[in-house]
Protein backbone atom coordinates (compact mmCIF):
# COMPACT_ATOMS: atom_id res chain seq x y z
CA MET A 1 20.77 37.53 15.04
CA SER A 2 21.47 36.65 11.32
CA LYS A 3 20.19 39.07 8.58
CA PHE A 4 20.08 36.42 5.95
CA GLN A 5 16.84 35.69 4.59
CA THR A 6 15.73 32.15 5.06
CA LYS A 7 13.57 30.16 2.63
CA LYS A 8 10.60 28.21 4.56
CA SER A 9 10.79 26.44 1.42
CA LEU A 10 14.44 25.04 2.42
CA GLY A 11 13.28 24.31 6.11
CA GLN A 12 15.94 26.90 6.88
CA HIS A 13 16.30 27.11 11.07
CA PHE A 14 19.41 28.26 11.92
CA LEU A 15 21.06 27.08 15.43
CA ASN A 16 22.64 30.28 17.24
CA SER A 17 22.81 28.55 20.88
CA PRO A 18 26.59 28.06 22.15
CA HIS A 19 25.56 25.61 24.57
CA ALA A 20 23.98 23.71 21.89
CA LEU A 21 26.81 23.95 19.32
CA THR A 22 29.03 23.01 22.17
CA ALA A 23 26.78 19.75 22.86
CA MET A 24 26.43 18.96 19.51
CA VAL A 25 30.07 18.27 19.01
CA ALA A 26 30.91 16.62 22.54
CA ALA A 27 27.90 14.17 21.63
CA GLY A 28 29.64 13.47 18.47
CA ASN A 29 33.14 12.80 20.49
CA ILE A 30 35.03 15.13 17.76
CA VAL A 31 38.71 15.12 17.82
CA ASN A 32 41.58 16.08 15.46
CA SER A 33 42.07 12.98 13.76
CA ASP A 34 38.43 12.80 12.71
CA THR A 35 36.65 13.74 9.59
CA VAL A 36 33.18 15.01 9.77
CA ILE A 37 30.73 15.57 7.14
CA GLU A 38 28.60 18.57 7.81
CA ILE A 39 25.28 18.89 6.21
CA GLY A 40 23.89 21.91 5.89
CA PRO A 41 26.16 24.15 7.48
CA GLY A 42 24.18 27.35 6.79
CA GLU A 43 26.10 30.41 7.94
CA GLY A 44 29.07 28.20 9.67
CA VAL A 45 28.27 28.71 13.27
CA LEU A 46 28.45 24.87 13.39
CA THR A 47 31.34 24.49 11.30
CA LYS A 48 33.43 26.88 13.45
CA GLU A 49 32.23 24.81 16.20
CA LEU A 50 34.00 21.70 14.45
CA LEU A 51 36.91 23.15 12.72
CA THR A 52 38.08 24.52 16.57
CA THR A 53 38.42 20.80 17.48
CA GLY A 54 41.35 20.40 14.35
CA ALA A 55 39.26 18.09 12.57
CA HIS A 56 38.58 18.01 8.63
CA VAL A 57 35.38 19.42 7.66
CA ILE A 58 33.32 18.35 4.53
CA ALA A 59 30.49 20.94 4.52
CA ILE A 60 27.64 20.05 2.22
CA GLU A 61 25.05 23.21 1.32
CA ALA A 62 22.55 23.00 -0.98
CA ASP A 63 21.21 26.87 -1.12
CA SER A 64 23.90 28.52 -3.44
CA ARG A 65 23.73 31.81 -1.41
CA LEU A 66 25.34 30.70 1.60
CA ILE A 67 28.24 29.20 -0.70
CA PRO A 68 29.92 33.11 -0.79
CA ILE A 69 29.67 33.69 2.85
CA LEU A 70 30.80 30.60 4.04
CA SER A 71 33.56 30.77 1.70
CA GLU A 72 34.33 34.16 2.65
CA THR A 73 33.88 33.27 6.21
CA PHE A 74 36.18 30.10 6.17
CA ALA A 75 38.81 31.46 3.24
CA GLU A 76 41.87 30.59 5.57
CA GLU A 77 40.49 26.87 6.47
CA ILE A 78 39.53 26.24 2.55
CA LYS A 79 43.07 27.20 1.76
CA LYS A 80 44.71 25.20 4.28
CA LYS A 81 42.41 22.34 3.01
CA GLN A 82 40.99 21.84 6.77
CA LEU A 83 37.33 22.66 5.10
CA THR A 84 36.31 21.20 1.94
CA LEU A 85 32.68 22.99 0.87
CA ILE A 86 30.70 21.10 -1.34
CA HIS A 87 27.63 22.97 -3.33
CA THR A 88 25.00 20.49 -3.86
CA ASP A 89 21.71 18.70 -2.42
CA VAL A 90 23.07 16.40 0.12
CA ARG A 91 19.96 13.75 -1.39
CA ASN A 92 22.61 13.86 -4.31
CA TYR A 93 25.49 12.91 -2.79
CA ASN A 94 26.95 9.65 -2.97
CA TYR A 95 28.48 8.70 0.41
CA ALA A 96 29.79 5.29 -1.35
CA THR A 97 32.02 6.96 -3.92
CA GLN A 98 32.44 10.55 -2.56
CA ALA A 99 32.69 10.21 1.13
CA PRO A 100 36.12 9.30 2.63
CA LYS A 101 36.24 5.77 4.04
CA ASN A 102 36.09 6.53 7.90
CA TYR A 103 33.78 9.61 8.55
CA LYS A 104 31.07 11.22 11.44
CA VAL A 105 28.48 13.09 10.34
CA VAL A 106 27.17 16.22 12.54
CA ALA A 107 24.09 17.83 10.84
CA ASN A 108 21.46 20.55 11.61
CA ILE A 109 19.28 19.75 8.71
CA PRO A 110 15.76 20.42 7.67
CA TYR A 111 12.71 18.37 9.36
CA TYR A 112 10.82 17.02 6.35
CA ILE A 113 14.20 15.55 4.64
CA THR A 114 15.38 13.95 8.28
CA GLY A 115 14.10 10.18 7.56
CA GLU A 116 15.31 10.23 4.51
CA ILE A 117 19.28 11.27 5.11
CA ILE A 118 19.26 9.09 7.92
CA ARG A 119 18.26 5.95 5.76
CA ASP A 120 20.80 7.11 2.91
CA LEU A 121 23.52 6.78 5.63
CA LEU A 122 22.77 4.25 7.14
CA SER A 123 21.89 1.98 3.95
CA SER A 124 25.28 3.23 2.09
CA LYS A 125 27.71 0.74 1.54
CA ASN A 126 30.41 3.08 2.95
CA LYS A 127 28.36 4.32 6.71
CA PRO A 128 29.71 6.47 9.23
CA SER A 129 30.69 5.23 12.41
CA SER A 130 28.69 7.63 14.37
CA ILE A 131 25.47 10.39 13.37
CA THR A 132 24.62 13.76 15.59
CA ILE A 133 21.76 15.14 14.71
CA LEU A 134 19.24 17.87 15.28
CA ILE A 135 15.84 16.55 15.17
CA GLN A 136 12.29 17.17 16.23
CA LYS A 137 11.85 16.50 19.91
CA GLU A 138 9.08 14.09 19.76
CA VAL A 139 10.51 11.92 17.22
CA ALA A 140 13.89 11.53 19.02
CA GLU A 141 11.85 10.56 22.32
CA ARG A 142 10.14 7.95 20.08
CA ILE A 143 13.72 6.59 18.54
CA THR A 144 14.86 6.06 22.23
CA THR A 145 12.22 5.76 24.60
CA ARG A 146 10.88 1.81 23.73
CA LYS A 147 8.36 1.26 26.45
CA GLU A 148 6.00 4.31 25.79
CA SER A 149 6.37 4.36 22.40
CA LYS A 150 5.52 2.60 19.57
CA GLU A 151 7.88 1.59 16.67
CA SER A 152 8.72 3.81 13.09
CA VAL A 153 10.29 2.80 10.02
CA LEU A 154 12.92 5.63 11.17
CA SER A 155 13.50 3.94 14.81
CA ILE A 156 13.49 0.58 13.34
CA SER A 157 15.97 1.26 10.52
CA ILE A 158 18.42 3.48 13.04
CA LYS A 159 18.04 0.21 15.56
CA ALA A 160 19.20 -1.96 12.92
CA TYR A 161 22.47 -0.16 12.32
CA GLY A 162 23.42 1.55 15.61
CA GLU A 163 22.68 2.73 18.87
CA PRO A 164 20.26 6.03 19.40
CA LYS A 165 20.86 8.26 22.49
CA TYR A 166 18.68 11.26 23.54
CA ILE A 167 21.35 13.37 24.12
CA LYS A 168 20.23 16.72 25.06
CA THR A 169 16.63 19.26 24.36
CA VAL A 170 17.47 22.05 22.19
CA LYS A 171 14.48 24.81 22.50
CA LYS A 172 13.15 26.38 19.47
CA THR A 173 14.21 29.51 20.69
CA ALA A 174 17.96 28.54 20.19
CA PHE A 175 17.01 28.69 16.64
CA PHE A 176 16.62 31.51 13.87
CA PRO A 177 13.79 31.64 12.88
CA PRO A 178 12.24 29.92 15.57
CA PRO A 179 10.58 26.55 14.35
CA LYS A 180 7.05 25.59 16.12
CA ILE A 181 8.27 22.94 18.11
CA ASP A 182 11.49 21.99 20.06
CA SER A 183 14.35 19.88 18.72
CA ALA A 184 16.77 17.36 20.52
CA ILE A 185 20.46 16.20 19.88
CA LEU A 186 20.47 12.46 18.70
CA LEU A 187 23.46 10.57 18.72
CA ILE A 188 23.24 7.43 16.77
CA ASP A 189 26.69 5.63 17.72
CA ASN A 190 28.57 2.56 16.81
CA ILE A 191 27.09 2.09 13.58
CA SER A 192 27.51 -1.39 11.85
CA ASN A 193 26.47 -3.98 9.71
CA LYS A 194 26.29 -6.46 12.94
CA HIS A 195 22.75 -7.73 12.48
CA PHE A 196 23.65 -8.61 8.51
CA GLN A 197 27.39 -9.81 8.68
CA ASN A 198 26.58 -13.42 9.40
CA SER A 199 23.20 -13.53 7.28
CA SER A 200 22.19 -13.83 3.66
CA LEU A 201 20.11 -11.00 4.54
CA GLN A 202 20.58 -7.83 2.32
CA ASP A 203 19.99 -3.94 3.37
CA GLU A 204 17.72 -3.94 0.11
CA ARG A 205 15.84 -6.62 1.41
CA PHE A 206 15.13 -5.68 4.97
CA PHE A 207 14.17 -1.93 3.92
CA GLU A 208 11.78 -3.55 1.26
CA VAL A 209 10.03 -5.56 4.10
CA VAL A 210 10.11 -2.79 6.76
CA LYS A 211 8.96 -0.07 4.53
CA THR A 212 5.89 -2.18 3.02
CA GLY A 213 5.29 -3.69 6.67
CA PHE A 214 4.73 -0.36 7.55
CA ALA A 215 2.81 1.54 4.56
CA HIS A 216 -0.61 0.76 6.03
CA LYS A 217 -0.59 0.92 9.71
CA ARG A 218 -4.03 0.37 10.54
CA LYS A 219 -4.06 -3.18 8.80
CA ARG A 220 -2.51 -6.28 10.55
CA LEU A 221 1.21 -6.97 9.28
CA ILE A 222 0.41 -10.10 7.83
CA LYS A 223 -1.60 -8.43 5.53
CA ASN A 224 0.76 -5.84 4.49
CA LEU A 225 3.05 -8.46 4.01
CA ASN A 226 1.57 -11.32 1.91
CA LEU A 227 3.15 -10.22 -1.24
CA ILE A 228 6.65 -10.75 -0.15
CA VAL A 229 6.97 -12.77 2.82
CA ALA A 230 5.18 -16.08 3.18
CA GLU A 231 2.50 -16.46 6.50
CA GLU A 232 4.44 -19.25 8.05
CA LYS A 233 6.91 -17.06 8.59
CA PHE A 234 5.07 -15.69 10.90
CA TYR A 235 4.48 -18.41 12.94
CA GLU A 236 8.58 -19.30 12.80
CA CYS A 237 9.40 -15.98 14.14
CA GLY A 238 6.73 -16.03 17.19
CA LEU A 239 4.84 -13.48 15.71
CA SER A 240 0.73 -13.41 15.97
CA GLU A 241 -1.39 -12.99 12.96
CA HIS A 242 -2.86 -10.33 14.57
CA VAL A 243 0.24 -8.19 15.57
CA ARG A 244 1.03 -4.56 13.79
CA ALA A 245 4.29 -3.34 12.25
CA GLU A 246 4.78 -0.88 15.34
CA GLU A 247 5.19 -3.38 17.81
CA LEU A 248 7.72 -5.25 16.20
CA THR A 249 11.66 -4.79 17.09
CA VAL A 250 13.99 -4.92 15.07
CA ASP A 251 15.12 -8.97 15.59
CA ASN A 252 11.61 -9.26 14.61
CA TRP A 253 12.01 -7.60 11.31
CA ILE A 254 15.26 -9.22 10.42
CA CYS A 255 13.65 -12.42 11.27
CA LEU A 256 10.88 -12.03 8.72
CA ALA A 257 13.08 -10.22 6.22
CA LYS A 258 15.31 -13.39 5.96
C-alpha cells in the first residue's frame, strides 16, 4: 500500500489492482508503435504497464509532489525518451498544438473532471483514436446501455464521435484510498468526425445545442432550445413538441443542430 498522502481536493484514488491495470492496457490495444497520453499517472503503476508494451508514453500530472517520484522511478525511460513527463493540469493541455498527430489516451482520472476531459478530447481538432478510461460504474452503464438508461450530455457527446464499450467492473477495493463507489473501464473506440464530415455542421454548434437542450432536464426540449433552434425544425426532424432531452438519439441532435 502506498505511503503517499493523497489529496481529497484532487480526487486522487490510485489504482493498485494488477488485473485492472492489465485490462486497461488490453482494452486500449496498446502496442509498441503507439503513442499513449496517460492522464494522471499518480505514482506510475499504470505508466509501468503501458511502458512494458514498448509504446511511447506522454504522462500528464498536475500534482507537483508526484513529479520527483515519477522522475526517479522512470529515470531510464525518460532518458531513452520512451516516457515524456509533463507537469500541468490536463485541462490546460492543448491537444491540437501539443499532442502528436496519432495517439491514444489511457487514464485513471478524478471523477469530478471526467466529463470535461472527455469533451475536451472529443471536440479537439486533434482527436485520439481511442480513449480507455476509468469512470464511475453507474456512468459507464448509462453511456453503454441505451434501452434501460436515459441519455446525458456526456453519453451523447461520446456517441457522436466514437463507439463506447463497457469493458470491466473495477471494485472500489482496487483503489487506494478506496472511493465510495465501484468503477468501470470504458473504451471509446473508432473516434472520428464521421457524423460531421459531409455536413456544414460544426462541433461548436453541436455542443451548443446539446448543452442548451440539457440545461433544464425537466422542461420540454422545445422550450430549452427556443432561442437557438426554430420550432419547425422539431417537426422536420420528426420530434414531438413534448419530447425531453434525455430521450433523443445522436441522430436526433445532429438533425436539430444543422
